[in-house]
Amino acid sequence: MLFRGAVTPGGNALALGVLFPRPTFKPFSQHSPPIDRR
């Protein structure tokens, strides 16, 4: 039911990250700071 409300790509990613904290989110977060700084 919660997934139905998170039909948007942003909501889906957030729901997946919160419900299923996978290791893929770790590298993604670490890649954000370096890209933003450069």
PDB file of N, CA and C in Angstrom:
ATOM      1  N   MET A   1       0.844  -1.200   0.000  1.00  0.00           N
ATOM      2  CA  MET A   1       0.000   0.000   0.000  1.00  0.00           C
ATOM      3  C   MET A   1       0.887   1.262   0.000  1.00  0.00           C
ATOM      4  N   LEU A   2       1.932   1.220   0.787  1.00  0.00           N
ATOM      5  CA  LEU A   2       2.823   2.400   0.858  1.00  0.00           C
ATOM      6  C   LEU A   2       3.484   2.623  -0.501  1.00  0.00           C
ATOM      7  N   PHE A   3       3.784   1.519  -1.177  1.00  0.00           N
ATOM      8  CA  PHE A   3       4.450   1.644  -2.483  1.00  0.00           C
ATOM      9  C   PHE A   3       3.546   2.364  -3.481  1.00  0.00           C
ATOM     10  N   ARG A   4       2.247   2.187  -3.315  1.00  0.00           N
ATOM     11  CA  ARG A   4       1.297   2.809  -4.264  1.00  0.00           C
ATOM     12  C   ARG A   4       1.436   4.324  -4.158  1.00  0.00           C
ATOM     13  N   GLY A   5       1.591   4.835  -2.962  1.00  0.00           N
ATOM     14  CA  GLY A   5       1.713   6.298  -2.794  1.00  0.00           C
ATOM     15  C   GLY A   5       3.061   6.784  -3.322  1.00  0.00           C
ATOM     16  N   ALA A   6       4.061   5.943  -3.242  1.00  0.00           N
ATOM     17  CA  ALA A   6       5.397   6.343  -3.723  1.00  0.00           C
ATOM     18  C   ALA A   6       5.582   5.912  -5.178  1.00  0.00           C
ATOM     19  N   VAL A   7       4.725   6.421  -6.026  1.00  0.00           N
ATOM     20  CA  VAL A   7       4.811   6.033  -7.449  1.00  0.00           C
ATOM     21  C   VAL A   7       5.934   6.814  -8.137  1.00  0.00           C
ATOM     22  N   THR A   8       6.273   7.970  -7.574  1.00  0.00           N
ATOM     23  CA  THR A   8       7.319   8.807  -8.192  1.00  0.00           C
ATOM     24  C   THR A   8       8.689   8.141  -8.015  1.00  0.00           C
ATOM     25  N   PRO A   9       9.634   8.446  -8.884  1.00  0.00           N
ATOM     26  CA  PRO A   9      10.974   7.851  -8.808  1.00  0.00           C
ATOM     27  C   PRO A   9      11.672   8.229  -7.498  1.00  0.00           C
ATOM     28  N   GLY A  10      11.514   9.482  -7.078  1.00  0.00           N
ATOM     29  CA  GLY A  10      12.136   9.927  -5.820  1.00  0.00           C
ATOM     30  C   GLY A  10      11.533   9.190  -4.630  1.00  0.00           C
ATOM     31  N   GLY A  11      10.220   9.120  -4.587  1.00  0.00           N
ATOM     32  CA  GLY A  11       9.550   8.445  -3.461  1.00  0.00           C
ATOM     33  C   GLY A  11       9.917   6.969  -3.427  1.00  0.00           C
ATOM     34  N   ASN A  12       9.976   6.347  -4.591  1.00  0.00           N
ATOM     35  CA  ASN A  12      10.314   4.916  -4.649  1.00  0.00           C
ATOM     36  C   ASN A  12      11.717   4.679  -4.108  1.00  0.00           C
ATOM     37  N   ALA A  13      12.660   5.503  -4.526  1.00  0.00           N
ATOM     38  CA  ALA A  13      14.058   5.345  -4.077  1.00  0.00           C
ATOM     39  C   ALA A  13      14.132   5.548  -2.566  1.00  0.00           C
ATOM     40  N   LEU A  14      13.405   6.540  -2.077  1.00  0.00           N
ATOM     41  CA  LEU A  14      13.436   6.814  -0.629  1.00  0.00           C
ATOM     42  C   LEU A  14      12.830   5.638   0.127  1.00  0.00           C
ATOM     43  N   ALA A  15      11.699   5.154  -0.346  1.00  0.00           N
ATOM     44  CA  ALA A  15      11.016   4.032   0.337  1.00  0.00           C
ATOM     45  C   ALA A  15      11.929   2.803   0.328  1.00  0.00           C
ATOM     46  N   LEU A  16      12.588   2.565  -0.796  1.00  0.00           N
ATOM     47  CA  LEU A  16      13.474   1.390  -0.896  1.00  0.00           C
ATOM     48  C   LEU A  16      14.666   1.550   0.049  1.00  0.00           C
ATOM     49  N   GLY A  17      15.196   2.764   0.114  1.00  0.00           N
ATOM     50  CA  GLY A  17      16.361   3.005   0.971  1.00  0.00           C
ATOM     51  C   GLY A  17      15.989   2.891   2.448  1.00  0.00           C
ATOM     52  N   VAL A  18      14.785   3.369   2.778  1.00  0.00           N
ATOM     53  CA  VAL A  18      14.359   3.320   4.191  1.00  0.00           C
ATOM     54  C   VAL A  18      13.907   1.906   4.564  1.00  0.00           C
ATOM     55  N   LEU A  19      13.179   1.267   3.649  1.00  0.00           N
ATOM     56  CA  LEU A  19      12.678  -0.086   3.950  1.00  0.00           C
ATOM     57  C   LEU A  19      13.786  -1.123   3.741  1.00  0.00           C
ATOM     58  N   PHE A  20      14.589  -0.901   2.707  1.00  0.00           N
ATOM     59  CA  PHE A  20      15.668  -1.861   2.414  1.00  0.00           C
ATOM     60  C   PHE A  20      17.012  -1.134   2.304  1.00  0.00           C
ATOM     61  N   PRO A  21      17.603  -0.768   3.434  1.00  0.00           N
ATOM     62  CA  PRO A  21      18.907  -0.072   3.412  1.00  0.00           C
ATOM     63  C   PRO A  21      19.992  -0.947   2.786  1.00  0.00           C
ATOM     64  N   ARG A  22      20.179  -0.836   1.493  1.00  0.00           N
ATOM     65  CA  ARG A  22      21.159  -1.708   0.811  1.00  0.00           C
ATOM     66  C   ARG A  22      22.531  -1.041   0.771  1.00  0.00           C
ATOM     67  N   PRO A  23      23.561  -1.791   0.498  1.00  0.00           N
ATOM     68  CA  PRO A  23      24.923  -1.233   0.432  1.00  0.00           C
ATOM     69  C   PRO A  23      25.096  -0.301  -0.767  1.00  0.00           C
ATOM     70  N   THR A  24      24.188  -0.402  -1.736  1.00  0.00           N
ATOM     71  CA  THR A  24      24.289   0.448  -2.935  1.00  0.00           C
ATOM     72  C   THR A  24      24.079   1.911  -2.544  1.00  0.00           C
ATOM     73  N   PHE A  25      23.283   2.140  -1.506  1.00  0.00           N
ATOM     74  CA  PHE A  25      23.012   3.527  -1.095  1.00  0.00           C
ATOM     75  C   PHE A  25      24.275   4.169  -0.503  1.00  0.00           C
ATOM     76  N   LYS A  26      25.124   3.341   0.111  1.00  0.00           N
ATOM     77  CA  LYS A  26      26.350   3.874   0.750  1.00  0.00           C
ATOM     78  C   LYS A  26      27.265   4.518  -0.301  1.00  0.00           C
ATOM     79  N   PRO A  27      27.636   3.790  -1.347  1.00  0.00           N
ATOM     80  CA  PRO A  27      28.512   4.353  -2.379  1.00  0.00           C
ATOM     81  C   PRO A  27      27.863   5.551  -3.057  1.00  0.00           C
ATOM     82  N   PHE A  28      26.569   5.478  -3.246  1.00  0.00           N
ATOM     83  CA  PHE A  28      25.854   6.579  -3.905  1.00  0.00           C
ATOM     84  C   PHE A  28      25.992   7.862  -3.094  1.00  0.00           C
ATOM     85  N   SER A  29      25.848   7.737  -1.769  1.00  0.00           N
ATOM     86  CA  SER A  29      25.947   8.908  -0.889  1.00  0.00           C
ATOM     87  C   SER A  29      27.387   9.450  -0.907  1.00  0.00           C
ATOM     88  N   GLN A  30      28.344   8.536  -0.911  1.00  0.00           N
ATOM     89  CA  GLN A  30      29.755   8.964  -0.903  1.00  0.00           C
ATOM     90  C   GLN A  30      30.117   9.588  -2.252  1.00  0.00           C
ATOM     91  N   HIS A  31      29.453   9.189  -3.293  1.00  0.00           N
ATOM     92  CA  HIS A  31      29.760   9.729  -4.633  1.00  0.00           C
ATOM     93  C   HIS A  31      29.181  11.126  -4.801  1.00  0.00           C
ATOM     94  N   SER A  32      28.153  11.434  -4.027  1.00  0.00           N
ATOM     95  CA  SER A  32      27.497  12.744  -4.136  1.00  0.00           C
ATOM     96  C   SER A  32      28.416  13.883  -3.673  1.00  0.00           C
ATOM     97  N   PRO A  33      29.010  13.769  -2.501  1.00  0.00           N
ATOM     98  CA  PRO A  33      29.865  14.839  -1.987  1.00  0.00           C
ATOM     99  C   PRO A  33      31.043  15.171  -2.918  1.00  0.00           C
ATOM    100  N   PRO A  34      31.806  14.169  -3.364  1.00  0.00           N
ATOM    101  CA  PRO A  34      32.946  14.435  -4.249  1.00  0.00           C
ATOM    102  C   PRO A  34      32.508  15.104  -5.556  1.00  0.00           C
ATOM    103  N   ILE A  35      31.398  14.670  -6.109  1.00  0.00           N
ATOM    104  CA  ILE A  35      30.926  15.230  -7.396  1.00  0.00           C
ATOM    105  C   ILE A  35      30.494  16.689  -7.184  1.00  0.00           C
ATOM    106  N   ASP A  36      29.839  16.929  -6.050  1.00  0.00           N
ATOM    107  CA  ASP A  36      29.369  18.303  -5.764  1.00  0.00           C
ATOM    108  C   ASP A  36      30.564  19.229  -5.492  1.00  0.00           C
ATOM    109  N   ARG A  37      31.564  18.705  -4.831  1.00  0.00           N
ATOM    110  CA  ARG A  37      32.751  19.535  -4.458  1.00  0.00           C
ATOM    111  C   ARG A  37      33.527  19.878  -5.728  1.00  0.00           C
ATOM    112  N   ARG A  38      33.651  18.919  -6.622  1.00  0.00           N
ATOM    113  CA  ARG A  38      34.453  19.170  -7.850  1.00  0.00           C
ATOM    114  C   ARG A  38      33.530  19.908  -8.809  1.00  0.00           C
TER     115      ARG A  38
END
